[in-house]
C-alpha cells in the first residue's frame, strides 16, 4: 500500500492552488496559480518545457486532484469504520513482503487496511 502520510506531506509542502496550465509568449506551457497579492495576475510556478498538453494539464490538475482523492479515501475509511464498528483492528507484519506494517480491519472474510511497504 501507499504511504498516505508522505503523500499528504508532499501536497502540503507545495504552493497553494488552484494550479492551472497557461502559456508563455513563446507558446511554452507553464503551470501557474493566481498571484497571492496582485488581483487578476498569475504567478508562474514552473515551465513545462517539452511537455505535451496532456502532461501539462495532468500536472496542473494534480494540486487539486490529489487532495480530493485523499479526502475520498478518508471518507471511505470513515464509512468502513461506521459500517463495521466492532471489527477488530490490529497491527500486522507481513513477512511475505519483508516486514510491511500497517493496520488491518477484518470484516467477515474480507480484510481492509493500510499497509506500509
C-alpha atoms as a PDB file:
ATOM      1  CA  UNK A   1       0.000   0.000   0.000  1.00  0.00           C
ATOM      2  CA  UNK A   2       0.982   3.613  -0.440  1.00  0.00           C
ATOM      3  CA  UNK A   3       2.187   5.796   2.429  1.00  0.00           C
ATOM      4  CA  UNK A   4      -0.644   8.337   2.560  1.00  0.00           C
ATOM      5  CA  UNK A   5       1.115  10.388   5.242  1.00  0.00           C
ATOM      6  CA  UNK A   6       4.013  11.022   2.859  1.00  0.00           C
ATOM      7  CA  UNK A   7       1.609  11.965   0.046  1.00  0.00           C
ATOM      8  CA  UNK A   8      -0.212  14.410   2.341  1.00  0.00           C
ATOM      9  CA  UNK A   9       3.118  15.949   3.384  1.00  0.00           C
ATOM     10  CA  UNK A  10       4.160  16.407  -0.257  1.00  0.00           C
ATOM     11  CA  UNK A  11       0.843  18.069  -1.092  1.00  0.00           C
ATOM     12  CA  UNK A  12       1.064  20.407   1.886  1.00  0.00           C
ATOM     13  CA  UNK A  13       4.633  21.431   1.006  1.00  0.00           C
ATOM     14  CA  UNK A  14       3.638  22.681  -2.468  1.00  0.00           C
ATOM     15  CA  UNK A  15       2.434  26.146  -3.437  1.00  0.00           C
ATOM     16  CA  UNK A  16      -1.250  26.599  -2.700  1.00  0.00           C
ATOM     17  CA  UNK A  17      -3.639  26.082  -5.581  1.00  0.00           C
ATOM     18  CA  UNK A  18      -5.536  26.091  -7.682  1.00  0.00           C
ATOM     19  CA  UNK A  19      -2.878  25.409 -10.260  1.00  0.00           C
ATOM     20  CA  UNK A  20      -3.633  25.955 -13.926  1.00  0.00           C
ATOM     21  CA  UNK A  21      -1.892  25.474 -17.235  1.00  0.00           C
ATOM     22  CA  UNK A  22      -1.086  28.540 -19.277  1.00  0.00           C
ATOM     23  CA  UNK A  23       1.349  29.652 -21.949  1.00  0.00           C
ATOM     24  CA  UNK A  24       4.324  31.968 -22.164  1.00  0.00           C
ATOM     25  CA  UNK A  25       4.533  34.400 -25.098  1.00  0.00           C
ATOM     26  CA  UNK A  26       6.658  31.839 -26.982  1.00  0.00           C
ATOM     27  CA  UNK A  27       3.982  29.145 -26.592  1.00  0.00           C
ATOM     28  CA  UNK A  28       5.773  27.218 -23.826  1.00  0.00           C
ATOM     29  CA  UNK A  29       3.365  25.605 -21.348  1.00  0.00           C
ATOM     30  CA  UNK A  30       3.649  26.880 -17.791  1.00  0.00           C
ATOM     31  CA  UNK A  31       1.968  25.898 -14.561  1.00  0.00           C
ATOM     32  CA  UNK A  32       0.668  28.906 -12.648  1.00  0.00           C
ATOM     33  CA  UNK A  33      -1.679  29.903  -9.895  1.00  0.00           C
ATOM     34  CA  UNK A  34      -3.478  33.137  -9.096  1.00  0.00           C
ATOM     35  CA  UNK A  35      -0.965  35.659  -7.743  1.00  0.00           C
ATOM     36  CA  UNK A  36      -1.267  35.720  -3.941  1.00  0.00           C
ATOM     37  CA  UNK A  37      -1.095  39.548  -3.785  1.00  0.00           C
ATOM     38  CA  UNK A  38      -1.839  41.095  -7.180  1.00  0.00           C
ATOM     39  CA  UNK A  39      -5.515  40.727  -8.091  1.00  0.00           C
ATOM     40  CA  UNK A  40      -6.052  39.229 -11.547  1.00  0.00           C
ATOM     41  CA  UNK A  41      -2.371  38.377 -12.071  1.00  0.00           C
ATOM     42  CA  UNK A  42      -0.797  34.932 -12.327  1.00  0.00           C
ATOM     43  CA  UNK A  43       2.273  33.633 -10.531  1.00  0.00           C
ATOM     44  CA  UNK A  44       4.199  31.197 -12.721  1.00  0.00           C
ATOM     45  CA  UNK A  45       5.291  28.209 -10.644  1.00  0.00           C
ATOM     46  CA  UNK A  46       7.338  26.446 -13.318  1.00  0.00           C
ATOM     47  CA  UNK A  47       7.646  25.859 -17.018  1.00  0.00           C
ATOM     48  CA  UNK A  48       6.626  22.630 -18.636  1.00  0.00           C
ATOM     49  CA  UNK A  49       9.134  22.806 -21.491  1.00  0.00           C
ATOM     50  CA  UNK A  50       8.691  19.931 -23.898  1.00  0.00           C
ATOM     51  CA  UNK A  51       5.609  18.600 -22.107  1.00  0.00           C
ATOM     52  CA  UNK A  52       2.609  17.566 -24.126  1.00  0.00           C
ATOM     53  CA  UNK A  53      -0.635  19.420 -23.492  1.00  0.00           C
ATOM     54  CA  UNK A  54      -1.983  16.332 -21.722  1.00  0.00           C
ATOM     55  CA  UNK A  55       1.083  16.128 -19.446  1.00  0.00           C
ATOM     56  CA  UNK A  56       0.885  19.823 -18.593  1.00  0.00           C
ATOM     57  CA  UNK A  57      -2.852  19.510 -17.832  1.00  0.00           C
ATOM     58  CA  UNK A  58      -2.179  16.483 -15.621  1.00  0.00           C
ATOM     59  CA  UNK A  59       0.462  18.342 -13.601  1.00  0.00           C
ATOM     60  CA  UNK A  60      -1.707  21.440 -13.315  1.00  0.00           C
ATOM     61  CA  UNK A  61      -4.663  19.434 -12.018  1.00  0.00           C
ATOM     62  CA  UNK A  62      -2.605  17.290  -9.619  1.00  0.00           C
ATOM     63  CA  UNK A  63      -2.597  20.064  -6.964  1.00  0.00           C
ATOM     64  CA  UNK A  64      -6.398  19.884  -6.800  1.00  0.00           C
ATOM     65  CA  UNK A  65      -6.915  16.213  -7.701  1.00  0.00           C
ATOM     66  CA  UNK A  66      -4.608  14.638  -5.113  1.00  0.00           C
ATOM     67  CA  UNK A  67      -6.193  16.399  -2.109  1.00  0.00           C
ATOM     68  CA  UNK A  68      -9.626  15.419  -3.478  1.00  0.00           C
ATOM     69  CA  UNK A  69      -8.531  11.775  -3.738  1.00  0.00           C
ATOM     70  CA  UNK A  70      -7.100  11.850  -0.206  1.00  0.00           C
ATOM     71  CA  UNK A  71     -10.379  13.295   1.087  1.00  0.00           C
ATOM     72  CA  UNK A  72     -12.285  10.489  -0.662  1.00  0.00           C
ATOM     73  CA  UNK A  73     -10.021   7.883   0.952  1.00  0.00           C
ATOM     74  CA  UNK A  74     -10.692   9.467   4.354  1.00  0.00           C
ATOM     75  CA  UNK A  75     -14.445   9.480   3.672  1.00  0.00           C
ATOM     76  CA  UNK A  76     -14.468   5.826   2.596  1.00  0.00           C
ATOM     77  CA  UNK A  77     -12.401   4.773   5.598  1.00  0.00           C
ATOM     78  CA  UNK A  78     -14.861   6.584   7.842  1.00  0.00           C
ATOM     79  CA  UNK A  79     -17.769   4.773   6.191  1.00  0.00           C
ATOM     80  CA  UNK A  80     -15.971   1.462   6.619  1.00  0.00           C
ATOM     81  CA  UNK A  81     -15.358   2.135  10.298  1.00  0.00           C
ATOM     82  CA  UNK A  82     -19.003   3.185  10.824  1.00  0.00           C
ATOM     83  CA  UNK A  83     -20.299   0.142   8.923  1.00  0.00           C
ATOM     84  CA  UNK A  84     -18.161  -2.245  10.971  1.00  0.00           C
ATOM     85  CA  UNK A  85     -17.740  -0.569  14.392  1.00  0.00           C
ATOM     86  CA  UNK A  86     -16.903  -3.798  16.168  1.00  0.00           C
ATOM     87  CA  UNK A  87     -14.481  -5.076  13.563  1.00  0.00           C
ATOM     88  CA  UNK A  88     -11.142  -5.992  15.065  1.00  0.00           C
ATOM     89  CA  UNK A  89      -8.309  -3.636  14.214  1.00  0.00           C
ATOM     90  CA  UNK A  90      -4.858  -4.995  14.611  1.00  0.00           C
ATOM     91  CA  UNK A  91      -1.345  -4.189  13.596  1.00  0.00           C
ATOM     92  CA  UNK A  92       0.244  -6.775  11.364  1.00  0.00           C
ATOM     93  CA  UNK A  93       3.644  -7.567   9.986  1.00  0.00           C
ATOM     94  CA  UNK A  94       3.609  -9.136   6.563  1.00  0.00           C
ATOM     95  CA  UNK A  95       6.617 -11.431   6.355  1.00  0.00           C
ATOM     96  CA  UNK A  96       5.951 -12.244   2.695  1.00  0.00           C
ATOM     97  CA  UNK A  97       6.841  -8.686   1.646  1.00  0.00           C
ATOM     98  CA  UNK A  98       9.754  -8.483   4.047  1.00  0.00           C
ATOM     99  CA  UNK A  99       8.269  -6.700   7.043  1.00  0.00           C
ATOM    100  CA  UNK A 100       5.478  -4.439   5.776  1.00  0.00           C
ATOM    101  CA  UNK A 101       3.475  -2.945   8.627  1.00  0.00           C
ATOM    102  CA  UNK A 102       0.073  -1.340   8.944  1.00  0.00           C
ATOM    103  CA  UNK A 103      -3.415  -1.650  10.332  1.00  0.00           C
ATOM    104  CA  UNK A 104      -5.898  -4.211   9.064  1.00  0.00           C
ATOM    105  CA  UNK A 105      -9.631  -4.359   9.723  1.00  0.00           C
ATOM    106  CA  UNK A 106     -11.174  -7.799   9.338  1.00  0.00           C
ATOM    107  CA  UNK A 107     -14.852  -7.938   8.405  1.00  0.00           C
ATOM    108  CA  UNK A 108     -16.024 -11.476   7.849  1.00  0.00           C
ATOM    109  CA  UNK A 109     -13.636 -12.977   5.324  1.00  0.00           C
ATOM    110  CA  UNK A 110     -12.541  -9.583   3.959  1.00  0.00           C
ATOM    111  CA  UNK A 111      -9.562  -7.576   5.076  1.00  0.00           C
ATOM    112  CA  UNK A 112      -9.198  -3.812   4.681  1.00  0.00           C
ATOM    113  CA  UNK A 113      -6.164  -1.897   5.675  1.00  0.00           C
ATOM    114  CA  UNK A 114      -3.277   0.453   5.204  1.00  0.00           C
ATOM    115  CA  UNK A 115      -0.054  -1.464   4.838  1.00  0.00           C
ATOM    116  CA  UNK A 116       3.212   0.421   4.539  1.00  0.00           C
ATOM    117  CA  UNK A 117       5.701  -1.332   2.304  1.00  0.00           C
END
